[in-house]
Amino acid sequence: MLPILKNLGFSGICGAASGVAFKAVGRACAVAVGCVFILIQGLAYAGYIQLDWTRVHADVMRTCDVNHDGRLDASDLKAALTSFLAVLSEGVPSAGGFCAGFIFGLHMG
């Protein structure tokens, strides 16, 4: 029983730390994207630049459509999250403990 708790504890702590870090980086990225959008829209409104938002939307949708079914939905998010967690938990003693800790860290941070 002790080795299971030891592996779960180490993996869970690594997962929780990763979850907190992911949330912090995600917030910083959201602020940066929001600021860039405001700047670009301000420049477009003032007439300094012109943007084709329809083309931008199509390019973003094509990039985010992970399963290539032509639409952005929950299955794309699930596929991306599964790949992301597989990379992070590679070689960790308990992938389940890591994933549980990661989810806990997202809620903690």
PDB file of N, CA and C in Angstrom:
ATOM      1  N   MET A   1       0.821  -1.201   0.000  1.00  0.00           N
ATOM      2  CA  MET A   1       0.000   0.000   0.000  1.00  0.00           C
ATOM      3  C   MET A   1       0.866   1.267   0.000  1.00  0.00           C
ATOM      4  N   LEU A   2       1.978   1.245   0.716  1.00  0.00           N
ATOM      5  CA  LEU A   2       2.839   2.417   0.805  1.00  0.00           C
ATOM      6  C   LEU A   2       3.427   2.844  -0.544  1.00  0.00           C
ATOM      7  N   PRO A   3       3.911   1.919  -1.413  1.00  0.00           N
ATOM      8  CA  PRO A   3       4.430   2.361  -2.720  1.00  0.00           C
ATOM      9  C   PRO A   3       3.367   3.058  -3.574  1.00  0.00           C
ATOM     10  N   ILE A   4       2.122   2.600  -3.479  1.00  0.00           N
ATOM     11  CA  ILE A   4       1.040   3.240  -4.245  1.00  0.00           C
ATOM     12  C   ILE A   4       0.857   4.677  -3.772  1.00  0.00           C
ATOM     13  N   LEU A   5       0.811   4.883  -2.469  1.00  0.00           N
ATOM     14  CA  LEU A   5       0.650   6.232  -1.928  1.00  0.00           C
ATOM     15  C   LEU A   5       1.853   7.108  -2.252  1.00  0.00           C
ATOM     16  N   LYS A   6       3.049   6.513  -2.231  1.00  0.00           N
ATOM     17  CA  LYS A   6       4.265   7.263  -2.545  1.00  0.00           C
ATOM     18  C   LYS A   6       4.228   7.756  -3.994  1.00  0.00           C
ATOM     19  N   ASN A   7       3.915   6.858  -4.934  1.00  0.00           N
ATOM     20  CA  ASN A   7       3.837   7.244  -6.342  1.00  0.00           C
ATOM     21  C   ASN A   7       2.708   8.228  -6.591  1.00  0.00           C
ATOM     22  N   LEU A   8       1.562   7.970  -5.996  1.00  0.00           N
ATOM     23  CA  LEU A   8       0.420   8.856  -6.162  1.00  0.00           C
ATOM     24  C   LEU A   8       0.738  10.227  -5.587  1.00  0.00           C
ATOM     25  N   GLY A   9       1.419  10.261  -4.445  1.00  0.00           N
ATOM     26  CA  GLY A   9       1.764  11.537  -3.826  1.00  0.00           C
ATOM     27  C   GLY A   9       2.708  12.356  -4.674  1.00  0.00           C
ATOM     28  N   PHE A  10       3.788  11.725  -5.170  1.00  0.00           N
ATOM     29  CA  PHE A  10       4.748  12.432  -6.015  1.00  0.00           C
ATOM     30  C   PHE A  10       4.086  12.895  -7.306  1.00  0.00           C
ATOM     31  N   SER A  11       3.382  11.991  -7.963  1.00  0.00           N
ATOM     32  CA  SER A  11       2.724  12.329  -9.228  1.00  0.00           C
ATOM     33  C   SER A  11       1.640  13.375  -9.011  1.00  0.00           C
ATOM     34  N   GLY A  12       0.894  13.237  -7.921  1.00  0.00           N
ATOM     35  CA  GLY A  12      -0.159  14.200  -7.617  1.00  0.00           C
ATOM     36  C   GLY A  12       0.387  15.588  -7.348  1.00  0.00           C
ATOM     37  N   ILE A  13       1.508  15.668  -6.625  1.00  0.00           N
ATOM     38  CA  ILE A  13       2.125  16.969  -6.343  1.00  0.00           C
ATOM     39  C   ILE A  13       2.639  17.599  -7.639  1.00  0.00           C
ATOM     40  N   CYS A  14       3.284  16.795  -8.470  1.00  0.00           N
ATOM     41  CA  CYS A  14       3.748  17.307  -9.771  1.00  0.00           C
ATOM     42  C   CYS A  14       2.571  17.775 -10.621  1.00  0.00           C
ATOM     43  N   GLY A  15       1.483  17.017 -10.595  1.00  0.00           N
ATOM     44  CA  GLY A  15       0.293  17.394 -11.359  1.00  0.00           C
ATOM     45  C   GLY A  15      -0.334  18.673 -10.839  1.00  0.00           C
ATOM     46  N   ALA A  16      -0.428  18.796  -9.504  1.00  0.00           N
ATOM     47  CA  ALA A  16      -1.022  20.000  -8.916  1.00  0.00           C
ATOM     48  C   ALA A  16      -0.180  21.229  -9.246  1.00  0.00           C
ATOM     49  N   ALA A  17       1.143  21.098  -9.151  1.00  0.00           N
ATOM     50  CA  ALA A  17       2.017  22.220  -9.487  1.00  0.00           C
ATOM     51  C   ALA A  17       1.879  22.598 -10.960  1.00  0.00           C
ATOM     52  N   SER A  18       1.782  21.598 -11.810  1.00  0.00           N
ATOM     53  CA  SER A  18       1.602  21.860 -13.240  1.00  0.00           C
ATOM     54  C   SER A  18       0.265  22.531 -13.516  1.00  0.00           C
ATOM     55  N   GLY A  19      -0.776  22.099 -12.822  1.00  0.00           N
ATOM     56  CA  GLY A  19      -2.096  22.697 -12.993  1.00  0.00           C
ATOM     57  C   GLY A  19      -2.130  24.158 -12.588  1.00  0.00           C
ATOM     58  N   VAL A  20      -1.509  24.477 -11.445  1.00  0.00           N
ATOM     59  CA  VAL A  20      -1.456  25.870 -10.990  1.00  0.00           C
ATOM     60  C   VAL A  20      -0.668  26.718 -11.991  1.00  0.00           C
ATOM     61  N   ALA A  21       0.468  26.185 -12.466  1.00  0.00           N
ATOM     62  CA  ALA A  21       1.286  26.922 -13.433  1.00  0.00           C
ATOM     63  C   ALA A  21       0.532  27.123 -14.750  1.00  0.00           C
ATOM     64  N   PHE A  22      -0.161  26.075 -15.201  1.00  0.00           N
ATOM     65  CA  PHE A  22      -0.918  26.162 -16.449  1.00  0.00           C
ATOM     66  C   PHE A  22      -1.996  27.237 -16.355  1.00  0.00           C
ATOM     67  N   LYS A  23      -2.662  27.302 -15.223  1.00  0.00           N
ATOM     68  CA  LYS A  23      -3.720  28.298 -15.047  1.00  0.00           C
ATOM     69  C   LYS A  23      -3.138  29.715 -15.048  1.00  0.00           C
ATOM     70  N   ALA A  24      -1.988  29.890 -14.377  1.00  0.00           N
ATOM     71  CA  ALA A  24      -1.358  31.214 -14.333  1.00  0.00           C
ATOM     72  C   ALA A  24      -0.899  31.648 -15.727  1.00  0.00           C
ATOM     73  N   VAL A  25      -0.280  30.746 -16.450  1.00  0.00           N
ATOM     74  CA  VAL A  25       0.179  31.059 -17.810  1.00  0.00           C
ATOM     75  C   VAL A  25      -1.025  31.315 -18.718  1.00  0.00           C
ATOM     76  N   GLY A  26      -2.073  30.533 -18.543  1.00  0.00           N
ATOM     77  CA  GLY A  26      -3.288  30.735 -19.331  1.00  0.00           C
ATOM     78  C   GLY A  26      -3.902  32.109 -19.118  1.00  0.00           C
ATOM     79  N   ARG A  27      -3.922  32.543 -17.857  1.00  0.00           N
ATOM     80  CA  ARG A  27      -4.445  33.889 -17.572  1.00  0.00           C
ATOM     81  C   ARG A  27      -3.574  34.958 -18.216  1.00  0.00           C
ATOM     82  N   ALA A  28      -2.259  34.800 -18.114  1.00  0.00           N
ATOM     83  CA  ALA A  28      -1.345  35.780 -18.714  1.00  0.00           C
ATOM     84  C   ALA A  28      -1.527  35.829 -20.231  1.00  0.00           C
ATOM     85  N   CYS A  29      -1.689  34.670 -20.844  1.00  0.00           N
ATOM     86  CA  CYS A  29      -1.917  34.621 -22.297  1.00  0.00           C
ATOM     87  C   CYS A  29      -3.243  35.278 -22.665  1.00  0.00           C
ATOM     88  N   ALA A  30      -4.268  35.057 -21.859  1.00  0.00           N
ATOM     89  CA  ALA A  30      -5.567  35.674 -22.134  1.00  0.00           C
ATOM     90  C   ALA A  30      -5.471  37.196 -22.052  1.00  0.00           C
ATOM     91  N   VAL A  31      -4.746  37.704 -21.069  1.00  0.00           N
ATOM     92  CA  VAL A  31      -4.560  39.156 -20.945  1.00  0.00           C
ATOM     93  C   VAL A  31      -3.787  39.680 -22.153  1.00  0.00           C
ATOM     94  N   ALA A  32      -2.737  38.976 -22.560  1.00  0.00           N
ATOM     95  CA  ALA A  32      -1.934  39.417 -23.705  1.00  0.00           C
ATOM     96  C   ALA A  32      -2.762  39.427 -24.987  1.00  0.00           C
ATOM     97  N   VAL A  33      -3.529  38.356 -25.225  1.00  0.00           N
ATOM     98  CA  VAL A  33      -4.365  38.287 -26.424  1.00  0.00           C
ATOM     99  C   VAL A  33      -5.409  39.409 -26.400  1.00  0.00           C
ATOM    100  N   GLY A  34      -6.006  39.646 -25.249  1.00  0.00           N
ATOM    101  CA  GLY A  34      -6.988  40.721 -25.127  1.00  0.00           C
ATOM    102  C   GLY A  34      -6.385  42.093 -25.415  1.00  0.00           C
ATOM    103  N   CYS A  35      -5.191  42.343 -24.889  1.00  0.00           N
ATOM    104  CA  CYS A  35      -4.528  43.629 -25.126  1.00  0.00           C
ATOM    105  C   CYS A  35      -4.170  43.803 -26.599  1.00  0.00           C
ATOM    106  N   VAL A  36      -3.671  42.751 -27.223  1.00  0.00           N
ATOM    107  CA  VAL A  36      -3.333  42.823 -28.655  1.00  0.00           C
ATOM    108  C   VAL A  36      -4.594  43.071 -29.481  1.00  0.00           C
ATOM    109  N   PHE A  37      -5.697  42.397 -29.127  1.00  0.00           N
ATOM    110  CA  PHE A  37      -6.954  42.614 -29.844  1.00  0.00           C
ATOM    111  C   PHE A  37      -7.407  44.066 -29.724  1.00  0.00           C
ATOM    112  N   ILE A  38      -7.343  44.612 -28.510  1.00  0.00           N
ATOM    113  CA  ILE A  38      -7.747  46.007 -28.307  1.00  0.00           C
ATOM    114  C   ILE A  38      -6.868  46.944 -29.133  1.00  0.00           C
ATOM    115  N   LEU A  39      -5.568  46.693 -29.151  1.00  0.00           N
ATOM    116  CA  LEU A  39      -4.651  47.522 -29.929  1.00  0.00           C
ATOM    117  C   LEU A  39      -4.971  47.441 -31.422  1.00  0.00           C
ATOM    118  N   ILE A  40      -5.158  46.216 -31.915  1.00  0.00           N
ATOM    119  CA  ILE A  40      -5.451  46.032 -33.346  1.00  0.00           C
ATOM    120  C   ILE A  40      -6.782  46.686 -33.710  1.00  0.00           C
ATOM    121  N   GLN A  41      -7.789  46.500 -32.885  1.00  0.00           N
ATOM    122  CA  GLN A  41      -9.094  47.110 -33.176  1.00  0.00           C
ATOM    123  C   GLN A  41      -9.001  48.636 -33.142  1.00  0.00           C
ATOM    124  N   GLY A  42      -8.211  49.162 -32.212  1.00  0.00           N
ATOM    125  CA  GLY A  42      -8.022  50.618 -32.153  1.00  0.00           C
ATOM    126  C   GLY A  42      -7.355  51.142 -33.410  1.00  0.00           C
ATOM    127  N   LEU A  43      -6.334  50.437 -33.872  1.00  0.00           N
ATOM    128  CA  LEU A  43      -5.653  50.844 -35.107  1.00  0.00           C
ATOM    129  C   LEU A  43      -6.580  50.727 -36.313  1.00  0.00           C
ATOM    130  N   ALA A  44      -7.387  49.694 -36.355  1.00  0.00           N
ATOM    131  CA  ALA A  44      -8.337  49.530 -37.463  1.00  0.00           C
ATOM    132  C   ALA A  44      -9.397  50.631 -37.427  1.00  0.00           C
ATOM    133  N   TYR A  45      -9.882  50.937 -36.238  1.00  0.00           N
ATOM    134  CA  TYR A  45     -10.905  51.986 -36.092  1.00  0.00           C
ATOM    135  C   TYR A  45     -10.348  53.337 -36.536  1.00  0.00           C
ATOM    136  N   ALA A  46      -9.076  53.590 -36.207  1.00  0.00           N
ATOM    137  CA  ALA A  46      -8.460  54.862 -36.572  1.00  0.00           C
ATOM    138  C   ALA A  46      -8.065  54.911 -38.046  1.00  0.00           C
ATOM    139  N   GLY A  47      -8.160  53.793 -38.763  1.00  0.00           N
ATOM    140  CA  GLY A  47      -7.878  53.774 -40.189  1.00  0.00           C
ATOM    141  C   GLY A  47      -6.434  53.481 -40.547  1.00  0.00           C
ATOM    142  N   TYR A  48      -5.616  53.087 -39.574  1.00  0.00           N
ATOM    143  CA  TYR A  48      -4.217  52.796 -39.862  1.00  0.00           C
ATOM    144  C   TYR A  48      -4.018  51.428 -40.512  1.00  0.00           C
ATOM    145  N   ILE A  49      -4.880  50.481 -40.193  1.00  0.00           N
ATOM    146  CA  ILE A  49      -4.776  49.137 -40.763  1.00  0.00           C
ATOM    147  C   ILE A  49      -6.166  48.651 -41.151  1.00  0.00           C
ATOM    148  N   GLN A  50      -6.196  47.645 -42.020  1.00  0.00           N
ATOM    149  CA  GLN A  50      -7.443  46.981 -42.375  1.00  0.00           C
ATOM    150  C   GLN A  50      -7.283  45.490 -42.106  1.00  0.00           C
ATOM    151  N   LEU A  51      -8.305  44.885 -41.542  1.00  0.00           N
ATOM    152  CA  LEU A  51      -8.260  43.468 -41.209  1.00  0.00           C
ATOM    153  C   LEU A  51      -9.419  42.731 -41.851  1.00  0.00           C
ATOM    154  N   ASP A  52      -9.145  41.528 -42.299  1.00  0.00           N
ATOM    155  CA  ASP A  52     -10.173  40.642 -42.829  1.00  0.00           C
ATOM    156  C   ASP A  52     -10.496  39.633 -41.728  1.00  0.00           C
ATOM    157  N   TRP A  53     -11.420  40.010 -40.820  1.00  0.00           N
ATOM    158  CA  TRP A  53     -11.735  39.161 -39.666  1.00  0.00           C
ATOM    159  C   TRP A  53     -12.339  37.825 -40.089  1.00  0.00           C
ATOM    160  N   THR A  54     -12.983  37.784 -41.254  1.00  0.00           N
ATOM    161  CA  THR A  54     -13.531  36.518 -41.746  1.00  0.00           C
ATOM    162  C   THR A  54     -12.395  35.541 -42.052  1.00  0.00           C
ATOM    163  N   ARG A  55     -11.339  36.037 -42.660  1.00  0.00           N
ATOM    164  CA  ARG A  55     -10.180  35.184 -42.950  1.00  0.00           C
ATOM    165  C   ARG A  55      -9.454  34.776 -41.670  1.00  0.00           C
ATOM    166  N   VAL A  56      -9.307  35.707 -40.738  1.00  0.00           N
ATOM    167  CA  VAL A  56      -8.680  35.388 -39.449  1.00  0.00           C
ATOM    168  C   VAL A  56      -9.475  34.288 -38.753  1.00  0.00           C
ATOM    169  N   HIS A  57     -10.793  34.428 -38.752  1.00  0.00           N
ATOM    170  CA  HIS A  57     -11.663  33.426 -38.119  1.00  0.00           C
ATOM    171  C   HIS A  57     -11.486  32.062 -38.776  1.00  0.00           C
ATOM    172  N   ALA A  58     -11.458  32.019 -40.088  1.00  0.00           N
ATOM    173  CA  ALA A  58     -11.296  30.745 -40.804  1.00  0.00           C
ATOM    174  C   ALA A  58      -9.949  30.098 -40.488  1.00  0.00           C
ATOM    175  N   ASP A  59      -8.887  30.900 -40.439  1.00  0.00           N
ATOM    176  CA  ASP A  59      -7.553  30.362 -40.128  1.00  0.00           C
ATOM    177  C   ASP A  59      -7.482  29.825 -38.703  1.00  0.00           C
ATOM    178  N   VAL A  60      -8.066  30.542 -37.766  1.00  0.00           N
ATOM    179  CA  VAL A  60      -8.061  30.089 -36.372  1.00  0.00           C
ATOM    180  C   VAL A  60      -8.882  28.807 -36.230  1.00  0.00           C
ATOM    181  N   MET A  61     -10.016  28.748 -36.875  1.00  0.00           N
ATOM    182  CA  MET A  61     -10.849  27.548 -36.808  1.00  0.00           C
ATOM    183  C   MET A  61     -10.131  26.340 -37.411  1.00  0.00           C
ATOM    184  N   ARG A  62      -9.443  26.551 -38.504  1.00  0.00           N
ATOM    185  CA  ARG A  62      -8.712  25.455 -39.146  1.00  0.00           C
ATOM    186  C   ARG A  62      -7.588  24.953 -38.229  1.00  0.00           C
ATOM    187  N   THR A  63      -6.920  25.856 -37.545  1.00  0.00           N
ATOM    188  CA  THR A  63      -5.840  25.486 -36.635  1.00  0.00           C
ATOM    189  C   THR A  63      -6.372  24.774 -35.401  1.00  0.00           C
ATOM    190  N   CYS A  64      -7.487  25.225 -34.866  1.00  0.00           N
ATOM    191  CA  CYS A  64      -8.035  24.665 -33.626  1.00  0.00           C
ATOM    192  C   CYS A  64      -8.851  23.391 -33.847  1.00  0.00           C
ATOM    193  N   ASP A  65      -9.198  23.077 -35.068  1.00  0.00           N
ATOM    194  CA  ASP A  65      -9.983  21.868 -35.359  1.00  0.00           C
ATOM    195  C   ASP A  65      -9.055  20.656 -35.330  1.00  0.00           C
ATOM    196  N   VAL A  66      -8.815  20.133 -34.137  1.00  0.00           N
ATOM    197  CA  VAL A  66      -7.835  19.067 -33.919  1.00  0.00           C
ATOM    198  C   VAL A  66      -8.217  17.783 -34.641  1.00  0.00           C
ATOM    199  N   ASN A  67      -9.499  17.429 -34.618  1.00  0.00           N
ATOM    200  CA  ASN A  67      -9.915  16.157 -35.237  1.00  0.00           C
ATOM    201  C   ASN A  67     -10.323  16.320 -36.705  1.00  0.00           C
ATOM    202  N   HIS A  68     -10.186  17.503 -37.259  1.00  0.00           N
ATOM    203  CA  HIS A  68     -10.421  17.791 -38.681  1.00  0.00           C
ATOM    204  C   HIS A  68     -11.809  17.358 -39.175  1.00  0.00           C
ATOM    205  N   ASP A  69     -12.833  17.644 -38.351  1.00  0.00           N
ATOM    206  CA  ASP A  69     -14.193  17.319 -38.773  1.00  0.00           C
ATOM    207  C   ASP A  69     -14.935  18.544 -39.313  1.00  0.00           C
ATOM    208  N   GLY A  70     -14.246  19.672 -39.408  1.00  0.00           N
ATOM    209  CA  GLY A  70     -14.853  20.869 -39.975  1.00  0.00           C
ATOM    210  C   GLY A  70     -15.576  21.750 -38.982  1.00  0.00           C
ATOM    211  N   ARG A  71     -15.561  21.403 -37.717  1.00  0.00           N
ATOM    212  CA  ARG A  71     -16.214  22.248 -36.707  1.00  0.00           C
ATOM    213  C   ARG A  71     -15.424  22.173 -35.408  1.00  0.00           C
ATOM    214  N   LEU A  72     -15.551  23.230 -34.630  1.00  0.00           N
ATOM    215  CA  LEU A  72     -14.869  23.315 -33.340  1.00  0.00           C
ATOM    216  C   LEU A  72     -15.877  22.982 -32.254  1.00  0.00           C
ATOM    217  N   ASP A  73     -15.658  21.862 -31.564  1.00  0.00           N
ATOM    218  CA  ASP A  73     -16.604  21.433 -30.545  1.00  0.00           C
ATOM    219  C   ASP A  73     -15.882  20.762 -29.380  1.00  0.00           C
ATOM    220  N   ALA A  74     -16.643  20.148 -28.506  1.00  0.00           N
ATOM    221  CA  ALA A  74     -16.089  19.522 -27.304  1.00  0.00           C
ATOM    222  C   ALA A  74     -15.128  18.390 -27.633  1.00  0.00           C
ATOM    223  N   SER A  75     -15.335  17.694 -28.739  1.00  0.00           N
ATOM    224  CA  SER A  75     -14.431  16.601 -29.100  1.00  0.00           C
ATOM    225  C   SER A  75     -13.037  17.125 -29.449  1.00  0.00           C
ATOM    226  N   ASP A  76     -12.946  18.328 -30.019  1.00  0.00           N
ATOM    227  CA  ASP A  76     -11.642  18.937 -30.288  1.00  0.00           C
ATOM    228  C   ASP A  76     -10.927  19.276 -28.981  1.00  0.00           C
ATOM    229  N   LEU A  77     -11.673  19.830 -28.038  1.00  0.00           N
ATOM    230  CA  LEU A  77     -11.094  20.165 -26.738  1.00  0.00           C
ATOM    231  C   LEU A  77     -10.631  18.904 -26.017  1.00  0.00           C
ATOM    232  N   LYS A  78     -11.436  17.864 -26.073  1.00  0.00           N
ATOM    233  CA  LYS A  78     -11.086  16.601 -25.424  1.00  0.00           C
ATOM    234  C   LYS A  78      -9.828  16.002 -26.046  1.00  0.00           C
ATOM    235  N   ALA A  79      -9.731  16.011 -27.367  1.00  0.00           N
ATOM    236  CA  ALA A  79      -8.558  15.466 -28.050  1.00  0.00           C
ATOM    237  C   ALA A  79      -7.302  16.262 -27.716  1.00  0.00           C
ATOM    238  N   ALA A  80      -7.413  17.578 -27.696  1.00  0.00           N
ATOM    239  CA  ALA A  80      -6.262  18.425 -27.380  1.00  0.00           C
ATOM    240  C   ALA A  80      -5.830  18.227 -25.925  1.00  0.00           C
ATOM    241  N   LEU A  81      -6.794  18.158 -25.012  1.00  0.00           N
ATOM    242  CA  LEU A  81      -6.482  17.968 -23.597  1.00  0.00           C
ATOM    243  C   LEU A  81      -5.863  16.598 -23.347  1.00  0.00           C
ATOM    244  N   THR A  82      -6.369  15.575 -24.017  1.00  0.00           N
ATOM    245  CA  THR A  82      -5.815  14.229 -23.880  1.00  0.00           C
ATOM    246  C   THR A  82      -4.359  14.195 -24.345  1.00  0.00           C
ATOM    247  N   SER A  83      -4.071  14.810 -25.468  1.00  0.00           N
ATOM    248  CA  SER A  83      -2.691  14.864 -25.972  1.00  0.00           C
ATOM    249  C   SER A  83      -1.793  15.650 -25.029  1.00  0.00           C
ATOM    250  N   PHE A  84      -2.297  16.759 -24.527  1.00  0.00           N
ATOM    251  CA  PHE A  84      -1.538  17.615 -23.617  1.00  0.00           C
ATOM    252  C   PHE A  84      -1.190  16.864 -22.329  1.00  0.00           C
ATOM    253  N   LEU A  85      -2.177  16.198 -21.737  1.00  0.00           N
ATOM    254  CA  LEU A  85      -1.929  15.455 -20.503  1.00  0.00           C
ATOM    255  C   LEU A  85      -1.034  14.243 -20.734  1.00  0.00           C
ATOM    256  N   ALA A  86      -1.121  13.630 -21.909  1.00  0.00           N
ATOM    257  CA  ALA A  86      -0.237  12.501 -22.226  1.00  0.00           C
ATOM    258  C   ALA A  86       1.217  12.950 -22.269  1.00  0.00           C
ATOM    259  N   VAL A  87       1.464  14.113 -22.834  1.00  0.00           N
ATOM    260  CA  VAL A  87       2.829  14.645 -22.889  1.00  0.00           C
ATOM    261  C   VAL A  87       3.328  14.954 -21.477  1.00  0.00           C
ATOM    262  N   LEU A  88       2.504  15.607 -20.676  1.00  0.00           N
ATOM    263  CA  LEU A  88       2.922  15.995 -19.329  1.00  0.00           C
ATOM    264  C   LEU A  88       3.126  14.806 -18.402  1.00  0.00           C
ATOM    265  N   SER A  89       2.348  13.750 -18.567  1.00  0.00           N
ATOM    266  CA  SER A  89       2.429  12.619 -17.647  1.00  0.00           C
ATOM    267  C   SER A  89       3.368  11.521 -18.126  1.00  0.00           C
ATOM    268  N   GLU A  90       4.061  11.736 -19.246  1.00  0.00           N
ATOM    269  CA  GLU A  90       4.992  10.737 -19.784  1.00  0.00           C
ATOM    270  C   GLU A  90       6.105  10.447 -18.780  1.00  0.00           C
ATOM    271  N   GLY A  91       6.246   9.191 -18.390  1.00  0.00           N
ATOM    272  CA  GLY A  91       7.313   8.770 -17.493  1.00  0.00           C
ATOM    273  C   GLY A  91       7.059   9.026 -16.023  1.00  0.00           C
ATOM    274  N   VAL A  92       5.965   9.679 -15.675  1.00  0.00           N
ATOM    275  CA  VAL A  92       5.627   9.930 -14.274  1.00  0.00           C
ATOM    276  C   VAL A  92       5.141   8.608 -13.675  1.00  0.00           C
ATOM    277  N   PRO A  93       5.541   8.291 -12.423  1.00  0.00           N
ATOM    278  CA  PRO A  93       5.181   6.997 -11.844  1.00  0.00           C
ATOM    279  C   PRO A  93       3.690   6.656 -11.895  1.00  0.00           C
ATOM    280  N   SER A  94       2.816   7.649 -11.706  1.00  0.00           N
ATOM    281  CA  SER A  94       1.378   7.387 -11.729  1.00  0.00           C
ATOM    282  C   SER A  94       0.690   8.455 -12.581  1.00  0.00           C
ATOM    283  N   ALA A  95       0.353   8.089 -13.820  1.00  0.00           N
ATOM    284  CA  ALA A  95      -0.305   9.045 -14.715  1.00  0.00           C
ATOM    285  C   ALA A  95      -1.663   9.462 -14.160  1.00  0.00           C
ATOM    286  N   GLY A  96      -2.373   8.525 -13.538  1.00  0.00           N
ATOM    287  CA  GLY A  96      -3.668   8.852 -12.940  1.00  0.00           C
ATOM    288  C   GLY A  96      -3.520   9.852 -11.807  1.00  0.00           C
ATOM    289  N   GLY A  97      -2.510   9.656 -10.970  1.00  0.00           N
ATOM    290  CA  GLY A  97      -2.248  10.599  -9.879  1.00  0.00           C
ATOM    291  C   GLY A  97      -1.873  11.962 -10.404  1.00  0.00           C
ATOM    292  N   PHE A  98      -1.072  11.985 -11.484  1.00  0.00           N
ATOM    293  CA  PHE A  98      -0.693  13.252 -12.094  1.00  0.00           C
ATOM    294  C   PHE A  98      -1.929  13.984 -12.610  1.00  0.00           C
ATOM    295  N   CYS A  99      -2.791  13.268 -13.338  1.00  0.00           N
ATOM    296  CA  CYS A  99      -3.990  13.894 -13.910  1.00  0.00           C
ATOM    297  C   CYS A  99      -4.919  14.409 -12.817  1.00  0.00           C
ATOM    298  N   ALA A 100      -5.084  13.617 -11.751  1.00  0.00           N
ATOM    299  CA  ALA A 100      -5.916  14.067 -10.635  1.00  0.00           C
ATOM    300  C   ALA A 100      -5.315  15.314  -9.995  1.00  0.00           C
ATOM    301  N   GLY A 101      -4.002  15.315  -9.798  1.00  0.00           N
ATOM    302  CA  GLY A 101      -3.339  16.488  -9.235  1.00  0.00           C
ATOM    303  C   GLY A 101      -3.439  17.694 -10.148  1.00  0.00           C
ATOM    304  N   PHE A 102      -3.338  17.468 -11.456  1.00  0.00           N
ATOM    305  CA  PHE A 102      -3.435  18.562 -12.420  1.00  0.00           C
ATOM    306  C   PHE A 102      -4.803  19.233 -12.336  1.00  0.00           C
ATOM    307  N   ILE A 103      -5.838  18.417 -12.302  1.00  0.00           N
ATOM    308  CA  ILE A 103      -7.205  18.963 -12.194  1.00  0.00           C
ATOM    309  C   ILE A 103      -7.377  19.700 -10.870  1.00  0.00           C
ATOM    310  N   PHE A 104      -6.849  19.132  -9.800  1.00  0.00           N
ATOM    311  CA  PHE A 104      -6.897  19.803  -8.495  1.00  0.00           C
ATOM    312  C   PHE A 104      -6.167  21.135  -8.559  1.00  0.00           C
ATOM    313  N   GLY A 105      -4.988  21.154  -9.208  1.00  0.00           N
ATOM    314  CA  GLY A 105      -4.215  22.383  -9.336  1.00  0.00           C
ATOM    315  C   GLY A 105      -4.941  23.444 -10.138  1.00  0.00           C
ATOM    316  N   LEU A 106      -5.684  23.041 -11.165  1.00  0.00           N
ATOM    317  CA  LEU A 106      -6.469  24.009 -11.938  1.00  0.00           C
ATOM    318  C   LEU A 106      -7.526  24.673 -11.066  1.00  0.00           C
ATOM    319  N   HIS A 107      -8.130  23.900 -10.181  1.00  0.00           N
ATOM    320  CA  HIS A 107      -9.166  24.450  -9.310  1.00  0.00           C
ATOM    321  C   HIS A 107      -8.573  25.248  -8.149  1.00  0.00           C
ATOM    322  N   MET A 108      -7.351  24.905  -7.751  1.00  0.00           N
ATOM    323  CA  MET A 108      -6.680  25.565  -6.656  1.00  0.00           C
ATOM    324  C   MET A 108      -6.209  26.960  -7.021  1.00  0.00           C
ATOM    325  N   GLY A 109      -5.549  27.064  -8.181  1.00  0.00           N
ATOM    326  CA  GLY A 109      -4.834  28.288  -8.564  1.00  0.00           C
ATOM    327  C   GLY A 109      -5.666  29.415  -8.904  1.00  0.00           C
TER     328      GLY A 109
END
